[in-house]
Amino acid sequence: MKEINVKETMHEMLLRQMGANVVCFIGKQCFVKFNIEGYEISYAYNINAKEKYFLQRVKPYPMIAGVFEDLKDVIEMIEIDLEQLKNVIKSGKFEKFLELNKKILETARNLEDLFFYYIVDEKMFDDIDHCIETVRDRIKNSATEDKRVYFKKDPETL
């Protein structure tokens, strides 16, 4: 255990030398794993510097779930998320959904690489923005009440 503490201290020092404000505290870090019809669904949550619970889904794809006041809220969010994932798995369209999600995540990484490594024309900003808005509009227009299948919680972004 002491070796870990020394390594953490060295990392903190390196981060501070880079200009970071590093806050370390002894807290709870939990990893939660489920197997739903052969798919690994896993979550990680920890107590942040504001003493709130930060929850994220790790698998089958990363997604921030939010910040919560207490563990009861974390468990409720995981329960809802699992119910929704089970619905998508039962629909027979989960693999297609995962492929689209993977492409979106890769595209975000491509976008970052483009802007971090190259000089990008101003027109490219507008072109990419237009494409993204077209996809977002298509998603929002597909979310009609007559197609809704989950009602325990309302969508957060549609």
N, C-alpha and C. Protein backbone atom coordinates (compact mmCIF):
# COMPACT_ATOMS: atom_id res chain seq x y z
N MET A 1 0.82 -1.20 0.00
CA MET A 1 0.00 0.00 0.00
C MET A 1 0.86 1.26 0.00
N LYS A 2 2.00 1.23 0.65
CA LYS A 2 2.87 2.41 0.68
C LYS A 2 3.39 2.74 -0.70
N GLU A 3 3.67 1.70 -1.51
CA GLU A 3 4.17 1.95 -2.87
C GLU A 3 3.14 2.72 -3.69
N ILE A 4 1.89 2.39 -3.51
CA ILE A 4 0.82 3.11 -4.22
C ILE A 4 0.79 4.57 -3.77
N ASN A 5 0.90 4.81 -2.47
CA ASN A 5 0.86 6.18 -1.97
C ASN A 5 2.02 7.00 -2.51
N VAL A 6 3.21 6.42 -2.61
CA VAL A 6 4.36 7.13 -3.16
C VAL A 6 4.13 7.46 -4.62
N LYS A 7 3.60 6.50 -5.39
CA LYS A 7 3.32 6.74 -6.81
C LYS A 7 2.28 7.84 -6.97
N GLU A 8 1.26 7.81 -6.12
CA GLU A 8 0.23 8.85 -6.21
C GLU A 8 0.83 10.22 -5.91
N THR A 9 1.69 10.30 -4.91
CA THR A 9 2.32 11.57 -4.56
C THR A 9 3.18 12.08 -5.70
N MET A 10 3.90 11.18 -6.36
CA MET A 10 4.73 11.58 -7.50
C MET A 10 3.85 12.11 -8.63
N HIS A 11 2.72 11.45 -8.87
CA HIS A 11 1.82 11.91 -9.92
C HIS A 11 1.22 13.28 -9.57
N GLU A 12 0.86 13.45 -8.32
CA GLU A 12 0.34 14.75 -7.88
C GLU A 12 1.36 15.85 -8.12
N MET A 13 2.62 15.58 -7.79
CA MET A 13 3.68 16.56 -7.96
C MET A 13 3.84 16.92 -9.45
N LEU A 14 3.83 15.91 -10.32
CA LEU A 14 3.96 16.17 -11.75
C LEU A 14 2.80 17.01 -12.26
N LEU A 15 1.60 16.71 -11.79
CA LEU A 15 0.43 17.49 -12.21
C LEU A 15 0.52 18.93 -11.71
N ARG A 16 0.99 19.12 -10.50
CA ARG A 16 1.14 20.48 -9.97
C ARG A 16 2.18 21.26 -10.76
N GLN A 17 3.26 20.58 -11.15
CA GLN A 17 4.29 21.23 -11.97
C GLN A 17 3.72 21.67 -13.32
N MET A 18 2.68 20.96 -13.78
CA MET A 18 2.03 21.32 -15.04
C MET A 18 1.05 22.47 -14.85
N GLY A 19 0.82 22.88 -13.58
CA GLY A 19 -0.07 23.99 -13.30
C GLY A 19 -1.43 23.59 -12.75
N ALA A 20 -1.60 22.30 -12.44
CA ALA A 20 -2.89 21.82 -11.95
C ALA A 20 -3.06 22.11 -10.47
N ASN A 21 -4.30 22.28 -10.07
CA ASN A 21 -4.67 22.30 -8.66
C ASN A 21 -5.17 20.90 -8.35
N VAL A 22 -4.44 20.14 -7.57
CA VAL A 22 -4.77 18.74 -7.30
C VAL A 22 -5.36 18.62 -5.91
N VAL A 23 -6.56 18.04 -5.83
CA VAL A 23 -7.21 17.80 -4.55
C VAL A 23 -7.35 16.28 -4.42
N CYS A 24 -6.72 15.72 -3.41
CA CYS A 24 -6.80 14.28 -3.17
C CYS A 24 -7.47 14.05 -1.82
N PHE A 25 -8.31 13.05 -1.77
CA PHE A 25 -8.95 12.70 -0.52
C PHE A 25 -9.21 11.21 -0.54
N ILE A 26 -9.30 10.68 0.63
CA ILE A 26 -9.61 9.26 0.73
C ILE A 26 -11.12 9.14 0.62
N GLY A 27 -11.56 8.39 -0.35
CA GLY A 27 -12.98 8.30 -0.57
C GLY A 27 -13.37 6.95 -1.12
N LYS A 28 -14.57 6.88 -1.57
CA LYS A 28 -15.12 5.64 -2.07
C LYS A 28 -15.08 5.65 -3.59
N GLN A 29 -14.54 4.60 -4.16
CA GLN A 29 -14.55 4.40 -5.61
C GLN A 29 -15.10 3.00 -5.82
N CYS A 30 -16.18 2.89 -6.55
CA CYS A 30 -16.82 1.59 -6.75
C CYS A 30 -17.01 1.29 -8.23
N PHE A 31 -16.81 0.03 -8.55
CA PHE A 31 -17.07 -0.46 -9.90
C PHE A 31 -18.17 -1.51 -9.77
N VAL A 32 -19.19 -1.39 -10.61
CA VAL A 32 -20.35 -2.27 -10.56
C VAL A 32 -20.49 -2.92 -11.92
N LYS A 33 -20.66 -4.25 -11.94
CA LYS A 33 -20.71 -4.96 -13.21
C LYS A 33 -21.92 -5.89 -13.24
N PHE A 34 -22.64 -5.87 -14.37
CA PHE A 34 -23.77 -6.75 -14.61
C PHE A 34 -23.53 -7.51 -15.91
N ASN A 35 -24.15 -8.68 -16.02
CA ASN A 35 -24.16 -9.42 -17.27
C ASN A 35 -25.62 -9.54 -17.68
N ILE A 36 -25.97 -8.84 -18.74
CA ILE A 36 -27.35 -8.84 -19.24
C ILE A 36 -27.35 -9.52 -20.61
N GLU A 37 -27.86 -10.73 -20.64
CA GLU A 37 -27.96 -11.51 -21.88
C GLU A 37 -26.64 -11.53 -22.65
N GLY A 38 -25.53 -11.71 -21.92
CA GLY A 38 -24.22 -11.82 -22.55
C GLY A 38 -23.49 -10.50 -22.75
N TYR A 39 -24.12 -9.40 -22.43
CA TYR A 39 -23.48 -8.09 -22.55
C TYR A 39 -23.01 -7.63 -21.17
N GLU A 40 -21.76 -7.15 -21.09
CA GLU A 40 -21.29 -6.59 -19.85
C GLU A 40 -21.76 -5.14 -19.76
N ILE A 41 -22.45 -4.85 -18.69
CA ILE A 41 -22.90 -3.49 -18.39
C ILE A 41 -22.20 -3.12 -17.09
N SER A 42 -21.34 -2.11 -17.14
CA SER A 42 -20.61 -1.75 -15.92
C SER A 42 -20.65 -0.25 -15.68
N TYR A 43 -20.52 0.08 -14.41
CA TYR A 43 -20.58 1.46 -13.95
C TYR A 43 -19.43 1.72 -12.99
N ALA A 44 -19.06 2.97 -12.87
CA ALA A 44 -18.10 3.40 -11.87
C ALA A 44 -18.68 4.64 -11.20
N TYR A 45 -18.56 4.68 -9.88
CA TYR A 45 -18.95 5.91 -9.18
C TYR A 45 -17.97 6.17 -8.05
N ASN A 46 -17.84 7.44 -7.76
CA ASN A 46 -16.96 7.86 -6.68
C ASN A 46 -17.50 9.13 -6.04
N ILE A 47 -16.97 9.44 -4.89
CA ILE A 47 -17.33 10.68 -4.21
C ILE A 47 -16.37 11.75 -4.71
N ASN A 48 -16.93 12.86 -5.22
CA ASN A 48 -16.06 13.92 -5.75
C ASN A 48 -15.67 14.91 -4.66
N ALA A 49 -14.94 15.93 -5.04
CA ALA A 49 -14.44 16.91 -4.08
C ALA A 49 -15.56 17.68 -3.38
N LYS A 50 -16.76 17.71 -3.97
CA LYS A 50 -17.89 18.41 -3.36
C LYS A 50 -18.76 17.46 -2.54
N GLU A 51 -18.23 16.25 -2.29
CA GLU A 51 -18.91 15.22 -1.51
C GLU A 51 -20.23 14.80 -2.14
N LYS A 52 -20.23 14.76 -3.46
CA LYS A 52 -21.36 14.25 -4.24
C LYS A 52 -20.89 12.99 -4.97
N TYR A 53 -21.83 12.19 -5.41
CA TYR A 53 -21.50 10.95 -6.12
C TYR A 53 -21.49 11.19 -7.62
N PHE A 54 -20.36 10.94 -8.23
CA PHE A 54 -20.21 11.05 -9.69
C PHE A 54 -20.34 9.65 -10.27
N LEU A 55 -21.34 9.47 -11.15
CA LEU A 55 -21.64 8.16 -11.74
C LEU A 55 -21.45 8.21 -13.24
N GLN A 56 -20.82 7.16 -13.76
CA GLN A 56 -20.72 7.03 -15.21
C GLN A 56 -20.87 5.56 -15.60
N ARG A 57 -21.48 5.35 -16.75
CA ARG A 57 -21.52 4.01 -17.32
C ARG A 57 -20.20 3.82 -18.04
N VAL A 58 -19.56 2.68 -17.84
CA VAL A 58 -18.28 2.40 -18.45
C VAL A 58 -18.45 1.50 -19.67
N LYS A 59 -19.27 0.47 -19.55
CA LYS A 59 -19.53 -0.46 -20.65
C LYS A 59 -21.02 -0.67 -20.79
N PRO A 60 -21.49 -0.87 -21.97
CA PRO A 60 -20.83 -1.21 -23.23
C PRO A 60 -20.24 0.00 -23.95
N TYR A 61 -20.53 1.20 -23.48
CA TYR A 61 -19.91 2.41 -24.01
C TYR A 61 -19.92 3.46 -22.89
N PRO A 62 -18.95 4.34 -22.88
CA PRO A 62 -18.87 5.31 -21.78
C PRO A 62 -19.93 6.41 -21.92
N MET A 63 -20.56 6.74 -20.79
CA MET A 63 -21.56 7.80 -20.77
C MET A 63 -21.66 8.33 -19.35
N ILE A 64 -21.50 9.63 -19.20
CA ILE A 64 -21.65 10.23 -17.87
C ILE A 64 -23.13 10.19 -17.51
N ALA A 65 -23.42 9.65 -16.32
CA ALA A 65 -24.81 9.55 -15.86
C ALA A 65 -25.19 10.75 -15.01
N GLY A 66 -24.21 11.38 -14.37
CA GLY A 66 -24.52 12.57 -13.60
C GLY A 66 -23.89 12.57 -12.23
N VAL A 67 -24.24 13.60 -11.48
CA VAL A 67 -23.76 13.79 -10.11
C VAL A 67 -24.99 13.72 -9.20
N PHE A 68 -24.86 12.94 -8.12
CA PHE A 68 -26.01 12.67 -7.27
C PHE A 68 -25.68 12.96 -5.81
N GLU A 69 -26.73 13.27 -5.05
CA GLU A 69 -26.58 13.64 -3.64
C GLU A 69 -26.20 12.46 -2.76
N ASP A 70 -26.82 11.29 -3.02
CA ASP A 70 -26.53 10.14 -2.15
C ASP A 70 -26.59 8.84 -2.94
N LEU A 71 -26.20 7.75 -2.26
CA LEU A 71 -26.13 6.45 -2.92
C LEU A 71 -27.49 5.95 -3.38
N LYS A 72 -28.54 6.33 -2.68
CA LYS A 72 -29.89 5.93 -3.09
C LYS A 72 -30.18 6.42 -4.51
N ASP A 73 -29.79 7.65 -4.80
CA ASP A 73 -29.99 8.21 -6.14
C ASP A 73 -29.13 7.51 -7.18
N VAL A 74 -27.91 7.13 -6.79
CA VAL A 74 -27.01 6.39 -7.70
C VAL A 74 -27.64 5.06 -8.06
N ILE A 75 -28.13 4.33 -7.05
CA ILE A 75 -28.73 3.02 -7.29
C ILE A 75 -29.98 3.15 -8.15
N GLU A 76 -30.79 4.16 -7.89
CA GLU A 76 -32.00 4.39 -8.70
C GLU A 76 -31.64 4.67 -10.16
N MET A 77 -30.59 5.46 -10.38
CA MET A 77 -30.17 5.76 -11.75
C MET A 77 -29.66 4.50 -12.45
N ILE A 78 -28.88 3.68 -11.74
CA ILE A 78 -28.40 2.42 -12.33
C ILE A 78 -29.58 1.51 -12.67
N GLU A 79 -30.56 1.44 -11.79
CA GLU A 79 -31.74 0.60 -12.02
C GLU A 79 -32.49 1.05 -13.29
N ILE A 80 -32.69 2.33 -13.44
CA ILE A 80 -33.38 2.86 -14.62
C ILE A 80 -32.56 2.60 -15.87
N ASP A 81 -31.27 2.84 -15.80
CA ASP A 81 -30.39 2.63 -16.94
C ASP A 81 -30.42 1.17 -17.38
N LEU A 82 -30.36 0.26 -16.42
CA LEU A 82 -30.42 -1.17 -16.74
C LEU A 82 -31.74 -1.55 -17.40
N GLU A 83 -32.84 -1.01 -16.89
CA GLU A 83 -34.15 -1.28 -17.49
C GLU A 83 -34.17 -0.83 -18.95
N GLN A 84 -33.62 0.35 -19.20
CA GLN A 84 -33.61 0.88 -20.55
C GLN A 84 -32.71 0.05 -21.47
N LEU A 85 -31.54 -0.33 -20.97
CA LEU A 85 -30.64 -1.17 -21.77
C LEU A 85 -31.26 -2.53 -22.06
N LYS A 86 -31.96 -3.11 -21.08
CA LYS A 86 -32.64 -4.40 -21.30
C LYS A 86 -33.69 -4.27 -22.40
N ASN A 87 -34.42 -3.15 -22.42
CA ASN A 87 -35.42 -2.92 -23.48
C ASN A 87 -34.77 -2.89 -24.85
N VAL A 88 -33.64 -2.20 -24.96
CA VAL A 88 -32.96 -2.11 -26.25
C VAL A 88 -32.41 -3.48 -26.66
N ILE A 89 -31.87 -4.22 -25.69
CA ILE A 89 -31.35 -5.56 -25.99
C ILE A 89 -32.48 -6.45 -26.50
N LYS A 90 -33.64 -6.41 -25.83
CA LYS A 90 -34.79 -7.23 -26.23
C LYS A 90 -35.31 -6.84 -27.61
N SER A 91 -35.11 -5.59 -28.01
CA SER A 91 -35.63 -5.12 -29.29
C SER A 91 -34.92 -5.77 -30.48
N GLY A 92 -33.75 -6.37 -30.23
CA GLY A 92 -32.98 -6.97 -31.30
C GLY A 92 -32.15 -5.96 -32.09
N LYS A 93 -32.13 -4.71 -31.62
CA LYS A 93 -31.41 -3.65 -32.34
C LYS A 93 -30.21 -3.12 -31.56
N PHE A 94 -29.84 -3.86 -30.51
CA PHE A 94 -28.76 -3.38 -29.65
C PHE A 94 -27.42 -3.32 -30.37
N GLU A 95 -27.11 -4.32 -31.17
CA GLU A 95 -25.84 -4.33 -31.90
C GLU A 95 -25.74 -3.13 -32.85
N LYS A 96 -26.84 -2.82 -33.56
CA LYS A 96 -26.84 -1.66 -34.45
C LYS A 96 -26.65 -0.37 -33.65
N PHE A 97 -27.32 -0.30 -32.50
CA PHE A 97 -27.18 0.86 -31.62
C PHE A 97 -25.73 1.01 -31.17
N LEU A 98 -25.10 -0.10 -30.76
CA LEU A 98 -23.71 -0.05 -30.31
C LEU A 98 -22.78 0.40 -31.43
N GLU A 99 -23.02 -0.08 -32.64
CA GLU A 99 -22.18 0.32 -33.78
C GLU A 99 -22.31 1.81 -34.06
N LEU A 100 -23.53 2.33 -34.04
CA LEU A 100 -23.73 3.78 -34.24
C LEU A 100 -23.04 4.57 -33.14
N ASN A 101 -23.18 4.10 -31.90
CA ASN A 101 -22.57 4.78 -30.78
C ASN A 101 -21.05 4.78 -30.91
N LYS A 102 -20.50 3.65 -31.32
CA LYS A 102 -19.04 3.55 -31.52
C LYS A 102 -18.58 4.55 -32.58
N LYS A 103 -19.34 4.67 -33.67
CA LYS A 103 -18.99 5.62 -34.73
C LYS A 103 -19.05 7.06 -34.22
N ILE A 104 -20.04 7.36 -33.40
CA ILE A 104 -20.17 8.71 -32.85
C ILE A 104 -18.97 9.03 -31.96
N LEU A 105 -18.59 8.09 -31.10
CA LEU A 105 -17.44 8.31 -30.22
C LEU A 105 -16.15 8.45 -31.02
N GLU A 106 -15.99 7.63 -32.05
CA GLU A 106 -14.80 7.74 -32.91
C GLU A 106 -14.80 9.07 -33.66
N THR A 107 -15.97 9.52 -34.08
CA THR A 107 -16.07 10.80 -34.79
C THR A 107 -15.69 11.95 -33.87
N ALA A 108 -16.10 11.90 -32.62
CA ALA A 108 -15.71 12.94 -31.66
C ALA A 108 -14.19 12.95 -31.51
N ARG A 109 -13.59 11.79 -31.48
CA ARG A 109 -12.12 11.71 -31.38
C ARG A 109 -11.46 12.22 -32.67
N ASN A 110 -12.06 11.88 -33.84
CA ASN A 110 -11.54 12.40 -35.11
C ASN A 110 -11.59 13.93 -35.13
N LEU A 111 -12.70 14.48 -34.66
CA LEU A 111 -12.87 15.93 -34.62
C LEU A 111 -11.79 16.58 -33.74
N GLU A 112 -11.56 15.97 -32.58
CA GLU A 112 -10.52 16.50 -31.69
C GLU A 112 -9.16 16.45 -32.37
N ASP A 113 -8.83 15.33 -32.98
CA ASP A 113 -7.54 15.22 -33.67
C ASP A 113 -7.42 16.26 -34.78
N LEU A 114 -8.49 16.47 -35.53
CA LEU A 114 -8.47 17.45 -36.61
C LEU A 114 -8.10 18.83 -36.07
N PHE A 115 -8.79 19.26 -35.01
CA PHE A 115 -8.58 20.60 -34.49
C PHE A 115 -7.32 20.74 -33.65
N PHE A 116 -6.84 19.64 -33.08
CA PHE A 116 -5.61 19.70 -32.28
C PHE A 116 -4.35 19.64 -33.15
N TYR A 117 -4.43 19.00 -34.30
CA TYR A 117 -3.23 18.75 -35.09
C TYR A 117 -3.16 19.53 -36.40
N TYR A 118 -4.25 20.17 -36.81
CA TYR A 118 -4.25 20.82 -38.11
C TYR A 118 -4.86 22.22 -38.02
N ILE A 119 -4.51 23.05 -38.97
CA ILE A 119 -5.17 24.35 -39.13
C ILE A 119 -6.45 24.07 -39.92
N VAL A 120 -7.56 24.48 -39.36
CA VAL A 120 -8.86 24.17 -39.96
C VAL A 120 -9.49 25.45 -40.49
N ASP A 121 -9.94 25.39 -41.74
CA ASP A 121 -10.62 26.54 -42.35
C ASP A 121 -11.90 26.86 -41.58
N GLU A 122 -12.22 28.14 -41.55
CA GLU A 122 -13.44 28.60 -40.87
C GLU A 122 -14.69 27.93 -41.45
N LYS A 123 -14.69 27.70 -42.75
CA LYS A 123 -15.83 27.06 -43.41
C LYS A 123 -16.05 25.65 -42.88
N MET A 124 -14.98 24.98 -42.48
CA MET A 124 -15.09 23.62 -41.96
C MET A 124 -15.93 23.61 -40.68
N PHE A 125 -15.78 24.63 -39.83
CA PHE A 125 -16.60 24.74 -38.62
C PHE A 125 -18.08 24.73 -38.99
N ASP A 126 -18.43 25.57 -39.96
CA ASP A 126 -19.83 25.68 -40.38
C ASP A 126 -20.33 24.39 -41.01
N ASP A 127 -19.50 23.76 -41.84
CA ASP A 127 -19.90 22.50 -42.49
C ASP A 127 -20.16 21.40 -41.46
N ILE A 128 -19.24 21.26 -40.52
CA ILE A 128 -19.40 20.22 -39.49
C ILE A 128 -20.60 20.52 -38.61
N ASP A 129 -20.77 21.78 -38.24
CA ASP A 129 -21.91 22.16 -37.42
C ASP A 129 -23.22 21.83 -38.13
N HIS A 130 -23.30 22.12 -39.41
CA HIS A 130 -24.50 21.83 -40.19
C HIS A 130 -24.79 20.32 -40.20
N CYS A 131 -23.76 19.51 -40.41
CA CYS A 131 -23.94 18.05 -40.42
C CYS A 131 -24.43 17.55 -39.07
N ILE A 132 -23.83 18.07 -38.01
CA ILE A 132 -24.23 17.65 -36.66
C ILE A 132 -25.67 18.04 -36.37
N GLU A 133 -26.05 19.25 -36.73
CA GLU A 133 -27.43 19.70 -36.51
C GLU A 133 -28.43 18.86 -37.30
N THR A 134 -28.04 18.44 -38.51
CA THR A 134 -28.91 17.58 -39.31
C THR A 134 -29.16 16.26 -38.60
N VAL A 135 -28.11 15.67 -38.06
CA VAL A 135 -28.24 14.39 -37.33
C VAL A 135 -29.08 14.60 -36.08
N ARG A 136 -28.82 15.66 -35.33
CA ARG A 136 -29.59 15.93 -34.11
C ARG A 136 -31.07 16.13 -34.42
N ASP A 137 -31.37 16.87 -35.48
CA ASP A 137 -32.77 17.08 -35.88
C ASP A 137 -33.43 15.76 -36.23
N ARG A 138 -32.70 14.91 -36.94
CA ARG A 138 -33.25 13.61 -37.34
C ARG A 138 -33.56 12.76 -36.10
N ILE A 139 -32.67 12.78 -35.13
CA ILE A 139 -32.90 12.04 -33.89
C ILE A 139 -34.12 12.58 -33.16
N LYS A 140 -34.18 13.90 -33.01
CA LYS A 140 -35.31 14.51 -32.29
C LYS A 140 -36.64 14.26 -33.01
N ASN A 141 -36.63 14.31 -34.33
CA ASN A 141 -37.86 14.08 -35.08
C ASN A 141 -38.32 12.63 -35.04
N SER A 142 -37.41 11.72 -34.73
CA SER A 142 -37.77 10.31 -34.62
C SER A 142 -38.39 9.99 -33.26
N ALA A 143 -38.22 10.86 -32.29
CA ALA A 143 -38.71 10.63 -30.94
C ALA A 143 -40.15 11.13 -30.82
N THR A 144 -41.08 10.37 -31.32
CA THR A 144 -42.48 10.74 -31.25
C THR A 144 -43.18 9.92 -30.16
N GLU A 145 -44.21 10.48 -29.58
CA GLU A 145 -44.93 9.83 -28.48
C GLU A 145 -45.47 8.45 -28.86
N ASP A 146 -45.91 8.30 -30.09
CA ASP A 146 -46.49 7.01 -30.47
C ASP A 146 -45.44 5.89 -30.57
N LYS A 147 -44.15 6.25 -30.55
CA LYS A 147 -43.07 5.26 -30.61
C LYS A 147 -42.40 5.04 -29.25
N ARG A 148 -42.85 5.77 -28.24
CA ARG A 148 -42.20 5.70 -26.93
C ARG A 148 -42.48 4.36 -26.26
N VAL A 149 -41.43 3.77 -25.63
CA VAL A 149 -41.58 2.47 -24.98
C VAL A 149 -41.21 2.50 -23.50
N TYR A 150 -40.57 3.57 -23.02
CA TYR A 150 -40.17 3.63 -21.61
C TYR A 150 -40.75 4.89 -20.98
N PHE A 151 -41.44 4.72 -19.83
CA PHE A 151 -42.17 5.84 -19.24
C PHE A 151 -41.82 6.13 -17.78
N LYS A 152 -40.95 5.31 -17.18
CA LYS A 152 -40.61 5.51 -15.77
C LYS A 152 -39.87 6.83 -15.56
N LYS A 153 -39.19 7.29 -16.59
CA LYS A 153 -38.41 8.51 -16.51
C LYS A 153 -38.50 9.19 -17.88
N ASP A 154 -38.58 10.51 -17.88
CA ASP A 154 -38.62 11.25 -19.14
C ASP A 154 -37.21 11.39 -19.73
N PRO A 155 -37.12 11.47 -21.05
CA PRO A 155 -35.81 11.70 -21.68
C PRO A 155 -35.21 13.02 -21.20
N GLU A 156 -33.90 13.05 -21.09
CA GLU A 156 -33.22 14.25 -20.59
C GLU A 156 -32.85 15.23 -21.70
N THR A 157 -32.71 14.74 -22.94
CA THR A 157 -32.21 15.62 -24.01
C THR A 157 -33.15 15.75 -25.18
N LEU A 158 -34.24 15.07 -25.20
CA LEU A 158 -35.18 15.16 -26.33
C LEU A 158 -36.43 15.91 -25.94
